C-alpha atoms as a PDB file:
ATOM      1  CA  UNK A   1     158.440  25.938 174.588  1.00  0.00           C
ATOM      2  CA  UNK A   2     156.046  26.717 171.613  1.00  0.00           C
ATOM      3  CA  UNK A   3     157.460  26.311 168.105  1.00  0.00           C
ATOM      4  CA  UNK A   4     158.668  29.506 166.621  1.00  0.00           C
ATOM      5  CA  UNK A   5     156.111  30.812 163.672  1.00  0.00           C
ATOM      6  CA  UNK A   6     158.914  30.985 161.340  1.00  0.00           C
ATOM      7  CA  UNK A   7     159.854  27.301 161.820  1.00  0.00           C
ATOM      8  CA  UNK A   8     156.518  26.045 161.595  1.00  0.00           C
ATOM      9  CA  UNK A   9     155.968  28.107 158.224  1.00  0.00           C
ATOM     10  CA  UNK A  10     159.469  26.555 156.715  1.00  0.00           C
ATOM     11  CA  UNK A  11     158.202  23.110 157.432  1.00  0.00           C
ATOM     12  CA  UNK A  12     154.643  23.918 156.011  1.00  0.00           C
ATOM     13  CA  UNK A  13     156.472  24.971 152.977  1.00  0.00           C
ATOM     14  CA  UNK A  14     158.647  22.174 152.997  1.00  0.00           C
ATOM     15  CA  UNK A  15     155.635  19.795 153.122  1.00  0.00           C
ATOM     16  CA  UNK A  16     153.790  21.713 150.373  1.00  0.00           C
ATOM     17  CA  UNK A  17     156.957  21.464 148.069  1.00  0.00           C
ATOM     18  CA  UNK A  18     157.024  17.780 148.535  1.00  0.00           C
ATOM     19  CA  UNK A  19     153.316  17.339 147.683  1.00  0.00           C
ATOM     20  CA  UNK A  20     153.871  19.563 144.432  1.00  0.00           C
ATOM     21  CA  UNK A  21     156.915  17.094 143.410  1.00  0.00           C
ATOM     22  CA  UNK A  22     154.794  14.146 144.100  1.00  0.00           C
ATOM     23  CA  UNK A  23     152.058  15.607 142.074  1.00  0.00           C
ATOM     24  CA  UNK A  24     154.063  16.250 139.212  1.00  0.00           C
ATOM     25  CA  UNK A  25     155.926  12.947 139.171  1.00  0.00           C
ATOM     26  CA  UNK A  26     152.435  11.191 139.297  1.00  0.00           C
ATOM     27  CA  UNK A  27     151.184  13.435 136.345  1.00  0.00           C
ATOM     28  CA  UNK A  28     154.283  12.508 134.339  1.00  0.00           C
ATOM     29  CA  UNK A  29     153.821   8.985 135.181  1.00  0.00           C
ATOM     30  CA  UNK A  30     150.541   8.989 133.963  1.00  0.00           C
ATOM     31  CA  UNK A  31     151.205  10.913 130.703  1.00  0.00           C
ATOM     32  CA  UNK A  32     154.154   8.441 129.959  1.00  0.00           C
ATOM     33  CA  UNK A  33     151.912   5.387 130.512  1.00  0.00           C
ATOM     34  CA  UNK A  34     149.045   6.701 128.140  1.00  0.00           C
ATOM     35  CA  UNK A  35     148.587   4.475 125.049  1.00  0.00           C
ATOM     36  CA  UNK A  36     147.121   6.102 122.012  1.00  0.00           C
ATOM     37  CA  UNK A  37     144.757   4.060 119.461  1.00  0.00           C
ATOM     38  CA  UNK A  38     145.790   4.980 116.040  1.00  0.00           C
ATOM     39  CA  UNK A  39     144.670   4.221 112.313  1.00  0.00           C
ATOM     40  CA  UNK A  40     146.286   4.619 108.718  1.00  0.00           C
ATOM     41  CA  UNK A  41     143.856   4.475 106.246  1.00  0.00           C
ATOM     42  CA  UNK A  42     144.288   4.013 102.218  1.00  0.00           C
ATOM     43  CA  UNK A  43     141.301   5.254 100.210  1.00  0.00           C
ATOM     44  CA  UNK A  44     141.407   5.193  96.331  1.00  0.00           C
ATOM     45  CA  UNK A  45     138.672   7.590  94.804  1.00  0.00           C
ATOM     46  CA  UNK A  46     137.007   7.331  91.557  1.00  0.00           C
ATOM     47  CA  UNK A  47     138.030  10.370  89.558  1.00  0.00           C
ATOM     48  CA  UNK A  48     134.280  11.539  89.063  1.00  0.00           C
ATOM     49  CA  UNK A  49     133.622  10.841  93.034  1.00  0.00           C
ATOM     50  CA  UNK A  50     136.594  13.269  93.806  1.00  0.00           C
ATOM     51  CA  UNK A  51     134.951  16.302  95.124  1.00  0.00           C
ATOM     52  CA  UNK A  52     132.065  14.362  96.882  1.00  0.00           C
ATOM     53  CA  UNK A  53     134.705  12.520  98.750  1.00  0.00           C
ATOM     54  CA  UNK A  54     136.675  15.384  99.908  1.00  0.00           C
ATOM     55  CA  UNK A  55     133.446  17.228 101.099  1.00  0.00           C
ATOM     56  CA  UNK A  56     132.106  14.197 102.923  1.00  0.00           C
ATOM     57  CA  UNK A  57     135.385  13.140 104.584  1.00  0.00           C
ATOM     58  CA  UNK A  58     136.127  16.875 105.381  1.00  0.00           C
ATOM     59  CA  UNK A  59     132.740  17.032 107.354  1.00  0.00           C
ATOM     60  CA  UNK A  60     133.460  13.788 109.089  1.00  0.00           C
ATOM     61  CA  UNK A  61     136.749  15.068 110.171  1.00  0.00           C
ATOM     62  CA  UNK A  62     135.499  18.674 111.440  1.00  0.00           C
ATOM     63  CA  UNK A  63     132.508  17.099 113.381  1.00  0.00           C
ATOM     64  CA  UNK A  64     135.096  14.314 114.979  1.00  0.00           C
ATOM     65  CA  UNK A  65     137.696  17.160 116.204  1.00  0.00           C
ATOM     66  CA  UNK A  66     134.971  19.153 117.622  1.00  0.00           C
ATOM     67  CA  UNK A  67     132.539  16.937 119.057  1.00  0.00           C
ATOM     68  CA  UNK A  68     134.492  13.847 120.142  1.00  0.00           C
ATOM     69  CA  UNK A  69     136.589  14.735 123.406  1.00  0.00           C
ATOM     70  CA  UNK A  70     138.671  11.351 122.890  1.00  0.00           C
ATOM     71  CA  UNK A  71     139.561  12.202 119.494  1.00  0.00           C
ATOM     72  CA  UNK A  72     143.251  13.411 119.437  1.00  0.00           C
ATOM     73  CA  UNK A  73     144.062  13.847 115.646  1.00  0.00           C
ATOM     74  CA  UNK A  74     142.272  13.163 112.259  1.00  0.00           C
ATOM     75  CA  UNK A  75     144.030  14.315 109.223  1.00  0.00           C
ATOM     76  CA  UNK A  76     144.047  13.377 105.448  1.00  0.00           C
ATOM     77  CA  UNK A  77     145.653  14.224 102.118  1.00  0.00           C
ATOM     78  CA  UNK A  78     146.324  13.095  98.643  1.00  0.00           C
ATOM     79  CA  UNK A  79     149.134  11.023  97.668  1.00  0.00           C
ATOM     80  CA  UNK A  80     152.122  12.893  96.247  1.00  0.00           C
ATOM     81  CA  UNK A  81     152.726  10.641  93.424  1.00  0.00           C
ATOM     82  CA  UNK A  82     149.152   9.147  92.515  1.00  0.00           C
ATOM     83  CA  UNK A  83     146.183  11.178  91.856  1.00  0.00           C
ATOM     84  CA  UNK A  84     142.808  10.412  93.566  1.00  0.00           C
ATOM     85  CA  UNK A  85     144.614   8.213  96.093  1.00  0.00           C
ATOM     86  CA  UNK A  86     144.029   9.471  99.546  1.00  0.00           C
ATOM     87  CA  UNK A  87     145.666   8.773 103.037  1.00  0.00           C
ATOM     88  CA  UNK A  88     144.134   9.387 106.329  1.00  0.00           C
ATOM     89  CA  UNK A  89     145.428   9.346 109.634  1.00  0.00           C
ATOM     90  CA  UNK A  90     143.312   9.169 112.838  1.00  0.00           C
ATOM     91  CA  UNK A  91     144.284   9.066 116.746  1.00  0.00           C
ATOM     92  CA  UNK A  92     142.353   8.381 119.734  1.00  0.00           C
ATOM     93  CA  UNK A  93     143.045   8.264 123.416  1.00  0.00           C
ATOM     94  CA  UNK A  94     142.017   4.681 123.520  1.00  0.00           C
ATOM     95  CA  UNK A  95     140.234   1.975 121.535  1.00  0.00           C
ATOM     96  CA  UNK A  96     137.054   3.011 123.224  1.00  0.00           C
ATOM     97  CA  UNK A  97     137.548   6.324 121.895  1.00  0.00           C
ATOM     98  CA  UNK A  98     137.417   5.026 118.401  1.00  0.00           C
ATOM     99  CA  UNK A  99     134.348   2.781 119.198  1.00  0.00           C
ATOM    100  CA  UNK A 100     132.600   5.930 120.350  1.00  0.00           C
ATOM    101  CA  UNK A 101     133.517   7.496 117.110  1.00  0.00           C
ATOM    102  CA  UNK A 102     131.927   4.903 115.101  1.00  0.00           C
ATOM    103  CA  UNK A 103     128.312   5.418 116.773  1.00  0.00           C
ATOM    104  CA  UNK A 104     128.635   9.385 116.064  1.00  0.00           C
ATOM    105  CA  UNK A 105     126.061  10.838 113.677  1.00  0.00           C
ATOM    106  CA  UNK A 106     128.703  12.429 111.432  1.00  0.00           C
ATOM    107  CA  UNK A 107     130.243   8.869 111.074  1.00  0.00           C
ATOM    108  CA  UNK A 108     126.942   7.460 110.173  1.00  0.00           C
ATOM    109  CA  UNK A 109     126.942  10.032 107.543  1.00  0.00           C
ATOM    110  CA  UNK A 110     130.282   9.030 106.308  1.00  0.00           C
ATOM    111  CA  UNK A 111     129.456   5.458 105.987  1.00  0.00           C
ATOM    112  CA  UNK A 112     126.294   6.358 104.067  1.00  0.00           C
ATOM    113  CA  UNK A 113     128.638   7.991 101.514  1.00  0.00           C
ATOM    114  CA  UNK A 114     130.735   5.075 101.549  1.00  0.00           C
ATOM    115  CA  UNK A 115     128.042   2.632 100.434  1.00  0.00           C
ATOM    116  CA  UNK A 116     127.487   4.831  97.272  1.00  0.00           C
ATOM    117  CA  UNK A 117     130.326   2.964  95.609  1.00  0.00           C
ATOM    118  CA  UNK A 118     132.823   5.964  95.413  1.00  0.00           C
ATOM    119  CA  UNK A 119     136.040   4.002  95.736  1.00  0.00           C
ATOM    120  CA  UNK A 120     138.255   2.514  92.954  1.00  0.00           C
ATOM    121  CA  UNK A 121     139.283  -0.163  95.073  1.00  0.00           C
ATOM    122  CA  UNK A 122     138.595  -1.471  98.662  1.00  0.00           C
ATOM    123  CA  UNK A 123     139.616   0.892 101.458  1.00  0.00           C
ATOM    124  CA  UNK A 124     142.382  -0.721 103.756  1.00  0.00           C
ATOM    125  CA  UNK A 125     142.895   0.504 107.448  1.00  0.00           C
ATOM    126  CA  UNK A 126     145.870  -0.401 109.723  1.00  0.00           C
ATOM    127  CA  UNK A 127     145.093  -0.341 113.583  1.00  0.00           C
ATOM    128  CA  UNK A 128     147.915   0.263 116.219  1.00  0.00           C
ATOM    129  CA  UNK A 129     148.587   1.415 119.458  1.00  0.00           C
ATOM    130  CA  UNK A 130     151.393   4.091 119.965  1.00  0.00           C
ATOM    131  CA  UNK A 131     154.704   3.017 121.431  1.00  0.00           C
ATOM    132  CA  UNK A 132     156.809   5.224 123.628  1.00  0.00           C
ATOM    133  CA  UNK A 133     155.720   8.348 125.510  1.00  0.00           C
ATOM    134  CA  UNK A 134     153.153  10.315 123.579  1.00  0.00           C
ATOM    135  CA  UNK A 135     153.804  13.822 122.857  1.00  0.00           C
ATOM    136  CA  UNK A 136     151.410  16.700 123.085  1.00  0.00           C
ATOM    137  CA  UNK A 137     150.183  17.510 119.242  1.00  0.00           C
ATOM    138  CA  UNK A 138     151.603  20.645 118.217  1.00  0.00           C
ATOM    139  CA  UNK A 139     149.304  23.079 116.361  1.00  0.00           C
ATOM    140  CA  UNK A 140     150.638  24.944 113.348  1.00  0.00           C
ATOM    141  CA  UNK A 141     148.723  27.060 110.616  1.00  0.00           C
ATOM    142  CA  UNK A 142     151.090  25.810 107.993  1.00  0.00           C
ATOM    143  CA  UNK A 143     150.685  22.768 105.650  1.00  0.00           C
ATOM    144  CA  UNK A 144     151.653  19.549 107.115  1.00  0.00           C
ATOM    145  CA  UNK A 145     153.947  17.296 105.152  1.00  0.00           C
ATOM    146  CA  UNK A 146     153.308  13.630 106.513  1.00  0.00           C
ATOM    147  CA  UNK A 147     154.048  10.285 105.551  1.00  0.00           C
ATOM    148  CA  UNK A 148     152.667   6.716 106.443  1.00  0.00           C
ATOM    149  CA  UNK A 149     154.788   3.789 106.717  1.00  0.00           C
ATOM    150  CA  UNK A 150     154.388   0.150 106.939  1.00  0.00           C
ATOM    151  CA  UNK A 151     157.381  -2.432 107.643  1.00  0.00           C
ATOM    152  CA  UNK A 152     157.833  -5.995 108.917  1.00  0.00           C
ATOM    153  CA  UNK A 153     160.507  -6.816 111.316  1.00  0.00           C
ATOM    154  CA  UNK A 154     162.180 -10.137 111.807  1.00  0.00           C
ATOM    155  CA  UNK A 155     161.411 -11.620 115.207  1.00  0.00           C
ATOM    156  CA  UNK A 156     164.961 -12.044 116.036  1.00  0.00           C
ATOM    157  CA  UNK A 157     165.761  -8.285 115.233  1.00  0.00           C
ATOM    158  CA  UNK A 158     162.769  -6.787 117.009  1.00  0.00           C
ATOM    159  CA  UNK A 159     164.550  -5.376 120.229  1.00  0.00           C
ATOM    160  CA  UNK A 160     167.375  -3.941 118.060  1.00  0.00           C
ATOM    161  CA  UNK A 161     164.689  -2.326 115.982  1.00  0.00           C
ATOM    162  CA  UNK A 162     162.582  -0.897 118.686  1.00  0.00           C
ATOM    163  CA  UNK A 163     165.679   0.615 120.418  1.00  0.00           C
ATOM    164  CA  UNK A 164     166.696   1.985 117.096  1.00  0.00           C
ATOM    165  CA  UNK A 165     163.422   3.599 116.196  1.00  0.00           C
ATOM    166  CA  UNK A 166     162.894   4.865 119.794  1.00  0.00           C
ATOM    167  CA  UNK A 167     166.195   6.681 119.343  1.00  0.00           C
ATOM    168  CA  UNK A 168     165.028   8.342 115.949  1.00  0.00           C
ATOM    169  CA  UNK A 169     161.617   9.241 117.459  1.00  0.00           C
ATOM    170  CA  UNK A 170     163.212  11.069 120.371  1.00  0.00           C
ATOM    171  CA  UNK A 171     165.824  12.631 118.410  1.00  0.00           C
ATOM    172  CA  UNK A 172     163.123  13.789 115.830  1.00  0.00           C
ATOM    173  CA  UNK A 173     160.812  15.445 118.353  1.00  0.00           C
ATOM    174  CA  UNK A 174     163.538  16.587 120.556  1.00  0.00           C
ATOM    175  CA  UNK A 175     165.955  18.614 118.047  1.00  0.00           C
ATOM    176  CA  UNK A 176     164.018  19.280 114.919  1.00  0.00           C
ATOM    177  CA  UNK A 177     161.998  22.384 115.229  1.00  0.00           C
ATOM    178  CA  UNK A 178     160.152  21.458 112.080  1.00  0.00           C
ATOM    179  CA  UNK A 179     159.085  17.935 113.277  1.00  0.00           C
ATOM    180  CA  UNK A 180     155.583  17.964 114.571  1.00  0.00           C
ATOM    181  CA  UNK A 181     154.677  14.267 114.837  1.00  0.00           C
ATOM    182  CA  UNK A 182     156.286  10.845 115.063  1.00  0.00           C
ATOM    183  CA  UNK A 183     154.093   8.018 115.928  1.00  0.00           C
ATOM    184  CA  UNK A 184     154.702   4.110 115.604  1.00  0.00           C
ATOM    185  CA  UNK A 185     153.274   1.008 116.822  1.00  0.00           C
ATOM    186  CA  UNK A 186     152.615  -2.716 116.059  1.00  0.00           C
ATOM    187  CA  UNK A 187     149.654  -3.950 113.965  1.00  0.00           C
ATOM    188  CA  UNK A 188     146.982  -5.001 116.365  1.00  0.00           C
ATOM    189  CA  UNK A 189     146.370  -8.237 114.358  1.00  0.00           C
ATOM    190  CA  UNK A 190     149.810  -8.903 112.706  1.00  0.00           C
ATOM    191  CA  UNK A 191     152.594  -9.420 115.015  1.00  0.00           C
ATOM    192  CA  UNK A 192     155.917  -8.252 113.699  1.00  0.00           C
ATOM    193  CA  UNK A 193     154.210  -5.644 111.634  1.00  0.00           C
ATOM    194  CA  UNK A 194     154.785  -1.922 112.345  1.00  0.00           C
ATOM    195  CA  UNK A 195     152.972   1.309 111.207  1.00  0.00           C
ATOM    196  CA  UNK A 196     154.326   4.781 111.472  1.00  0.00           C
ATOM    197  CA  UNK A 197     152.812   8.297 111.049  1.00  0.00           C
ATOM    198  CA  UNK A 198     155.202  11.316 110.947  1.00  0.00           C
ATOM    199  CA  UNK A 199     154.326  14.998 110.347  1.00  0.00           C
ATOM    200  CA  UNK A 200     156.630  18.057 109.176  1.00  0.00           C
ATOM    201  CA  UNK A 201     156.305  21.732 108.481  1.00  0.00           C
ATOM    202  CA  UNK A 202     156.481  21.299 104.539  1.00  0.00           C
ATOM    203  CA  UNK A 203     158.741  18.990 102.784  1.00  0.00           C
ATOM    204  CA  UNK A 204     161.639  20.930 103.878  1.00  0.00           C
ATOM    205  CA  UNK A 205     160.919  19.716 107.434  1.00  0.00           C
ATOM    206  CA  UNK A 206     161.165  16.045 106.141  1.00  0.00           C
ATOM    207  CA  UNK A 207     164.203  16.850 103.969  1.00  0.00           C
ATOM    208  CA  UNK A 208     165.836  18.343 107.196  1.00  0.00           C
ATOM    209  CA  UNK A 209     164.919  14.871 108.902  1.00  0.00           C
ATOM    210  CA  UNK A 210     166.841  13.130 106.613  1.00  0.00           C
ATOM    211  CA  UNK A 211     170.203  14.907 107.295  1.00  0.00           C
ATOM    212  CA  UNK A 212     169.554  14.346 111.007  1.00  0.00           C
ATOM    213  CA  UNK A 213     172.412  12.135 112.966  1.00  0.00           C
ATOM    214  CA  UNK A 214     169.554  10.071 114.446  1.00  0.00           C
ATOM    215  CA  UNK A 215     167.926   9.103 110.926  1.00  0.00           C
ATOM    216  CA  UNK A 216     171.703   8.488 109.564  1.00  0.00           C
ATOM    217  CA  UNK A 217     171.641   5.590 112.641  1.00  0.00           C
ATOM    218  CA  UNK A 218     168.180   4.309 111.401  1.00  0.00           C
ATOM    219  CA  UNK A 219     169.670   4.194 108.016  1.00  0.00           C
ATOM    220  CA  UNK A 220     172.703   2.403 109.160  1.00  0.00           C
ATOM    221  CA  UNK A 221     170.497  -0.238 110.984  1.00  0.00           C
ATOM    222  CA  UNK A 222     168.212  -0.807 107.810  1.00  0.00           C
ATOM    223  CA  UNK A 223     171.172  -1.805 106.011  1.00  0.00           C
ATOM    224  CA  UNK A 224     171.515  -4.750 108.338  1.00  0.00           C
ATOM    225  CA  UNK A 225     168.732  -6.934 106.691  1.00  0.00           C
ATOM    226  CA  UNK A 226     166.178  -6.591 109.586  1.00  0.00           C
ATOM    227  CA  UNK A 227     162.954  -6.528 107.679  1.00  0.00           C
ATOM    228  CA  UNK A 228     160.503  -9.439 107.031  1.00  0.00           C
ATOM    229  CA  UNK A 229     158.470  -7.129 104.842  1.00  0.00           C
ATOM    230  CA  UNK A 230     160.516  -4.193 103.122  1.00  0.00           C
ATOM    231  CA  UNK A 231     159.330  -0.539 103.995  1.00  0.00           C
ATOM    232  CA  UNK A 232     156.320   0.899 102.185  1.00  0.00           C
ATOM    233  CA  UNK A 233     156.287   4.665 102.524  1.00  0.00           C
ATOM    234  CA  UNK A 234     153.629   6.961 101.055  1.00  0.00           C
ATOM    235  CA  UNK A 235     154.002  10.912 101.225  1.00  0.00           C
ATOM    236  CA  UNK A 236     150.903  13.211 101.365  1.00  0.00           C
ATOM    237  CA  UNK A 237     150.129  17.019 102.279  1.00  0.00           C
ATOM    238  CA  UNK A 238     147.447  18.001 104.630  1.00  0.00           C
ATOM    239  CA  UNK A 239     144.157  19.210 102.974  1.00  0.00           C
END
């Protein structure tokens, strides 16, 4: 006998539902396997070149975010404690995205400015790939309070460190309404050296972070002498 129309429709809806679930799972898997290419940069500027520097870097920033589809983030600000010391954070979908950035006209203009001797000391840049599942960047019209961190971890404490910091990262992004970004990864040239970039809405966002239970767990871990190089932390507000 021919199938009843409602039975056929139920089966069609069932297979459609399964197809949608499979597509969502595949999308989630692809998202969680993405590895972003990041860099933290330190730039100490001569006082009399400060205004030129900010103008030139701002132009590079704006053109990067506007014209480069593989550029995810580009943010900089002045050190909280040291005048004319600036910190920069960049994030690309892959290393190829960063290499493409270096071929762009606005980057070439930035390189021309760098060649005019505006710096009080050599520029340093640390490259790393983001560990863990990346998070979609959060937009805000409020000033971002940021920190860049570098630390060395003893080889025998590496697994403990990664587990602890992933817990801290997950708690920060899942439970703190003022937390915008928490990125970390291992230096691409120096095994055992890790770099971080964190963003909060205002200093109050960071202060709230330091009161969270996952941060307390990190502080407890930090007391167990896991470091081969002590943490170096710099704070800055977005310009």
